[in-house]
C-alpha atoms as a PDB file:
ATOM      1  CA  GLN A   1     106.011  67.088 124.978  1.00  0.00           C
ATOM      2  CA  VAL A   2     107.087  70.481 125.930  1.00  0.00           C
ATOM      3  CA  GLN A   3     109.838  71.961 123.924  1.00  0.00           C
ATOM      4  CA  LEU A   4     111.704  75.325 124.048  1.00  0.00           C
ATOM      5  CA  ALA A   5     113.606  76.413 120.786  1.00  0.00           C
ATOM      6  CA  GLU A   6     116.121  79.162 121.272  1.00  0.00           C
ATOM      7  CA  SER A   7     117.662  81.351 118.227  1.00  0.00           C
ATOM      8  CA  GLY A   8     119.278  84.383 117.320  1.00  0.00           C
ATOM      9  CA  GLY A   9     122.719  83.779 118.878  1.00  0.00           C
ATOM     10  CA  GLY A  10     125.745  84.444 117.149  1.00  0.00           C
ATOM     11  CA  LEU A  11     129.163  86.353 116.896  1.00  0.00           C
ATOM     12  CA  VAL A  12     129.073  90.107 117.240  1.00  0.00           C
ATOM     13  CA  GLN A  13     131.513  93.068 117.986  1.00  0.00           C
ATOM     14  CA  ALA A  14     131.193  95.123 121.306  1.00  0.00           C
ATOM     15  CA  GLY A  15     128.425  97.760 121.124  1.00  0.00           C
ATOM     16  CA  ASP A  16     126.382  95.579 118.771  1.00  0.00           C
ATOM     17  CA  SER A  17     122.947  94.306 119.303  1.00  0.00           C
ATOM     18  CA  LEU A  18     121.322  90.776 119.126  1.00  0.00           C
ATOM     19  CA  ARG A  19     117.561  89.625 119.747  1.00  0.00           C
ATOM     20  CA  LEU A  20     117.278  85.946 121.124  1.00  0.00           C
ATOM     21  CA  SER A  21     113.802  84.119 120.569  1.00  0.00           C
ATOM     22  CA  CYS A  22     112.484  81.358 122.406  1.00  0.00           C
ATOM     23  CA  THR A  23     109.523  79.464 120.988  1.00  0.00           C
ATOM     24  CA  VAL A  24     107.523  77.222 123.140  1.00  0.00           C
ATOM     25  CA  SER A  25     105.438  74.124 122.051  1.00  0.00           C
ATOM     26  CA  GLY A  26     103.598  71.565 124.094  1.00  0.00           C
ATOM     27  CA  ARG A  27     102.088  73.715 126.722  1.00  0.00           C
ATOM     28  CA  THR A  28     100.014  76.951 126.980  1.00  0.00           C
ATOM     29  CA  PHE A  29     102.631  79.514 126.562  1.00  0.00           C
ATOM     30  CA  SER A  30     100.425  82.463 127.673  1.00  0.00           C
ATOM     31  CA  MET A  31      99.980  80.969 131.251  1.00  0.00           C
ATOM     32  CA  TYR A  32     103.520  80.956 132.413  1.00  0.00           C
ATOM     33  CA  ALA A  33     106.387  83.224 133.335  1.00  0.00           C
ATOM     34  CA  MET A  34     109.394  83.121 131.238  1.00  0.00           C
ATOM     35  CA  GLY A  35     113.070  83.687 132.062  1.00  0.00           C
ATOM     36  CA  TRP A  36     116.556  83.934 130.401  1.00  0.00           C
ATOM     37  CA  PHE A  37     119.535  82.595 132.115  1.00  0.00           C
ATOM     38  CA  ARG A  38     123.369  82.288 130.747  1.00  0.00           C
ATOM     39  CA  GLN A  39     126.152  80.292 131.666  1.00  0.00           C
ATOM     40  CA  ALA A  40     129.899  80.411 130.922  1.00  0.00           C
ATOM     41  CA  PRO A  41     132.145  77.246 130.931  1.00  0.00           C
ATOM     42  CA  GLY A  42     133.099  76.167 134.455  1.00  0.00           C
ATOM     43  CA  LYS A  43     130.459  78.781 135.984  1.00  0.00           C
ATOM     44  CA  GLU A  44     127.088  78.588 137.429  1.00  0.00           C
ATOM     45  CA  ARG A  45     124.171  79.372 135.354  1.00  0.00           C
ATOM     46  CA  GLU A  46     122.956  82.821 136.372  1.00  0.00           C
ATOM     47  CA  PHE A  47     119.596  84.800 135.940  1.00  0.00           C
ATOM     48  CA  VAL A  48     119.562  87.333 133.161  1.00  0.00           C
ATOM     49  CA  ALA A  49     115.814  88.557 132.916  1.00  0.00           C
ATOM     50  CA  GLY A  50     112.368  87.321 133.574  1.00  0.00           C
ATOM     51  CA  ILE A  51     108.722  88.217 132.684  1.00  0.00           C
ATOM     52  CA  GLY A  52     105.488  87.527 134.293  1.00  0.00           C
ATOM     53  CA  TRP A  53     102.796  85.446 132.715  1.00  0.00           C
ATOM     54  CA  ASN A  54     100.842  88.525 131.622  1.00  0.00           C
ATOM     55  CA  GLY A  55     103.883  90.528 130.625  1.00  0.00           C
ATOM     56  CA  VAL A  56     103.139  93.367 133.028  1.00  0.00           C
ATOM     57  CA  HIS A  57     106.288  92.723 135.279  1.00  0.00           C
ATOM     58  CA  THR A  58     109.712  92.144 134.289  1.00  0.00           C
ATOM     59  CA  SER A  59     113.112  92.214 136.116  1.00  0.00           C
ATOM     60  CA  SER A  60     116.866  91.763 135.199  1.00  0.00           C
ATOM     61  CA  THR A  61     120.077  91.273 136.652  1.00  0.00           C
ATOM     62  CA  ASP A  62     122.117  94.639 137.479  1.00  0.00           C
ATOM     63  CA  SER A  63     124.900  93.857 134.854  1.00  0.00           C
ATOM     64  CA  VAL A  64     122.291  94.117 132.108  1.00  0.00           C
ATOM     65  CA  LYS A  65     119.943  96.817 133.087  1.00  0.00           C
ATOM     66  CA  GLY A  66     119.372  99.415 130.611  1.00  0.00           C
ATOM     67  CA  ARG A  67     120.883  97.261 127.922  1.00  0.00           C
ATOM     68  CA  PHE A  68     118.779  94.194 127.808  1.00  0.00           C
ATOM     69  CA  THR A  69     115.081  93.775 127.558  1.00  0.00           C
ATOM     70  CA  ILE A  70     112.864  90.750 127.966  1.00  0.00           C
ATOM     71  CA  SER A  71     109.387  90.670 126.266  1.00  0.00           C
ATOM     72  CA  ARG A  72     106.919  88.159 125.036  1.00  0.00           C
ATOM     73  CA  ASP A  73     104.369  87.659 122.188  1.00  0.00           C
ATOM     74  CA  ASP A  74     101.686  85.267 123.252  1.00  0.00           C
ATOM     75  CA  ALA A  75     100.206  85.023 119.845  1.00  0.00           C
ATOM     76  CA  ARG A  76     103.570  83.558 118.576  1.00  0.00           C
ATOM     77  CA  ASN A  77     104.341  81.517 121.683  1.00  0.00           C
ATOM     78  CA  THR A  78     107.553  83.459 121.740  1.00  0.00           C
ATOM     79  CA  ALA A  79     109.752  85.107 124.406  1.00  0.00           C
ATOM     80  CA  PHE A  80     112.500  87.501 123.362  1.00  0.00           C
ATOM     81  CA  LEU A  81     115.622  88.834 124.952  1.00  0.00           C
ATOM     82  CA  GLN A  82     116.590  92.237 123.171  1.00  0.00           C
ATOM     83  CA  MET A  83     120.397  92.699 123.935  1.00  0.00           C
ATOM     84  CA  ASN A  84     121.900  96.216 122.957  1.00  0.00           C
ATOM     85  CA  SER A  85     125.336  97.594 123.639  1.00  0.00           C
ATOM     86  CA  LEU A  86     126.789  94.032 124.032  1.00  0.00           C
ATOM     87  CA  LYS A  87     130.067  93.662 125.892  1.00  0.00           C
ATOM     88  CA  PRO A  88     132.511  90.810 125.855  1.00  0.00           C
ATOM     89  CA  GLU A  89     131.895  89.892 129.284  1.00  0.00           C
ATOM     90  CA  ASP A  90     128.048  88.854 127.965  1.00  0.00           C
ATOM     91  CA  THR A  91     129.821  86.207 126.153  1.00  0.00           C
ATOM     92  CA  ASP A  92     127.917  82.989 127.293  1.00  0.00           C
ATOM     93  CA  VAL A  93     125.419  80.271 126.494  1.00  0.00           C
ATOM     94  CA  TYR A  94     121.993  81.821 126.897  1.00  0.00           C
ATOM     95  CA  TYR A  95     119.091  79.578 127.970  1.00  0.00           C
ATOM     96  CA  CYS A  96     115.315  80.207 127.965  1.00  0.00           C
ATOM     97  CA  ALA A  97     113.036  78.717 130.459  1.00  0.00           C
ATOM     98  CA  SER A  98     109.252  78.357 131.185  1.00  0.00           C
ATOM     99  CA  ALA A  99     107.976  78.566 134.714  1.00  0.00           C
ATOM    100  CA  ARG A 100     106.520  75.843 136.687  1.00  0.00           C
ATOM    101  CA  LEU A 101     103.490  78.086 137.833  1.00  0.00           C
ATOM    102  CA  ARG A 102     101.465  80.979 136.619  1.00  0.00           C
ATOM    103  CA  PHE A 103     103.746  83.621 138.197  1.00  0.00           C
ATOM    104  CA  SER A 104     102.618  87.334 137.639  1.00  0.00           C
ATOM    105  CA  ASP A 105     106.074  88.390 138.929  1.00  0.00           C
ATOM    106  CA  PRO A 106     109.215  87.393 137.218  1.00  0.00           C
ATOM    107  CA  GLN A 107     111.192  84.707 138.894  1.00  0.00           C
ATOM    108  CA  GLU A 108     114.961  84.699 139.441  1.00  0.00           C
ATOM    109  CA  ARG A 109     115.659  81.155 140.790  1.00  0.00           C
ATOM    110  CA  GLU A 110     116.209  78.356 138.423  1.00  0.00           C
ATOM    111  CA  ASP A 111     114.096  75.946 140.597  1.00  0.00           C
ATOM    112  CA  GLU A 112     111.138  78.096 139.716  1.00  0.00           C
ATOM    113  CA  TYR A 113     111.439  77.012 136.189  1.00  0.00           C
ATOM    114  CA  THR A 114     110.339  73.517 134.731  1.00  0.00           C
ATOM    115  CA  TYR A 115     111.400  73.409 131.132  1.00  0.00           C
ATOM    116  CA  TRP A 116     114.554  74.656 129.559  1.00  0.00           C
ATOM    117  CA  GLY A 117     115.852  75.221 126.007  1.00  0.00           C
ATOM    118  CA  GLN A 118     119.114  73.707 124.780  1.00  0.00           C
ATOM    119  CA  GLY A 119     120.800  77.082 124.674  1.00  0.00           C
ATOM    120  CA  THR A 120     122.299  79.334 122.209  1.00  0.00           C
ATOM    121  CA  GLN A 121     125.804  80.742 122.018  1.00  0.00           C
ATOM    122  CA  VAL A 122     126.504  84.578 122.187  1.00  0.00           C
ATOM    123  CA  THR A 123     129.989  85.627 121.604  1.00  0.00           C
ATOM    124  CA  VAL A 124     130.987  89.266 121.805  1.00  0.00           C
ATOM    125  CA  SER A 125     134.401  90.118 120.547  1.00  0.00           C
ATOM    126  CA  SER A 126     136.232  93.331 121.682  1.00  0.00           C
END
């Protein structure tokens, strides 16, 4: 059974940093691209950042470029999302996801991901 466990969310002030972690069990983590998405109540889930299976290629949505960085540690079966200079509009539930195939390029579409975590809340106060 594949499981994704997110951690690292919390309540912070604008300008602070957080690092989200996503540990995968039940599948060979190093073989699959990973992604982070976020969702606010009543809104659709949106892509935040993605990384290919070998960690060479990454991408992120424009609103977080220069502030958020996705990375992976295959030895720990864990993907990370480093979030700096947080803004109130970054307040959301953040989800990590493991891709359905061995993509070398990051994937921005939800349907390219097979497994999802349960989400971690990030709240940024002004």
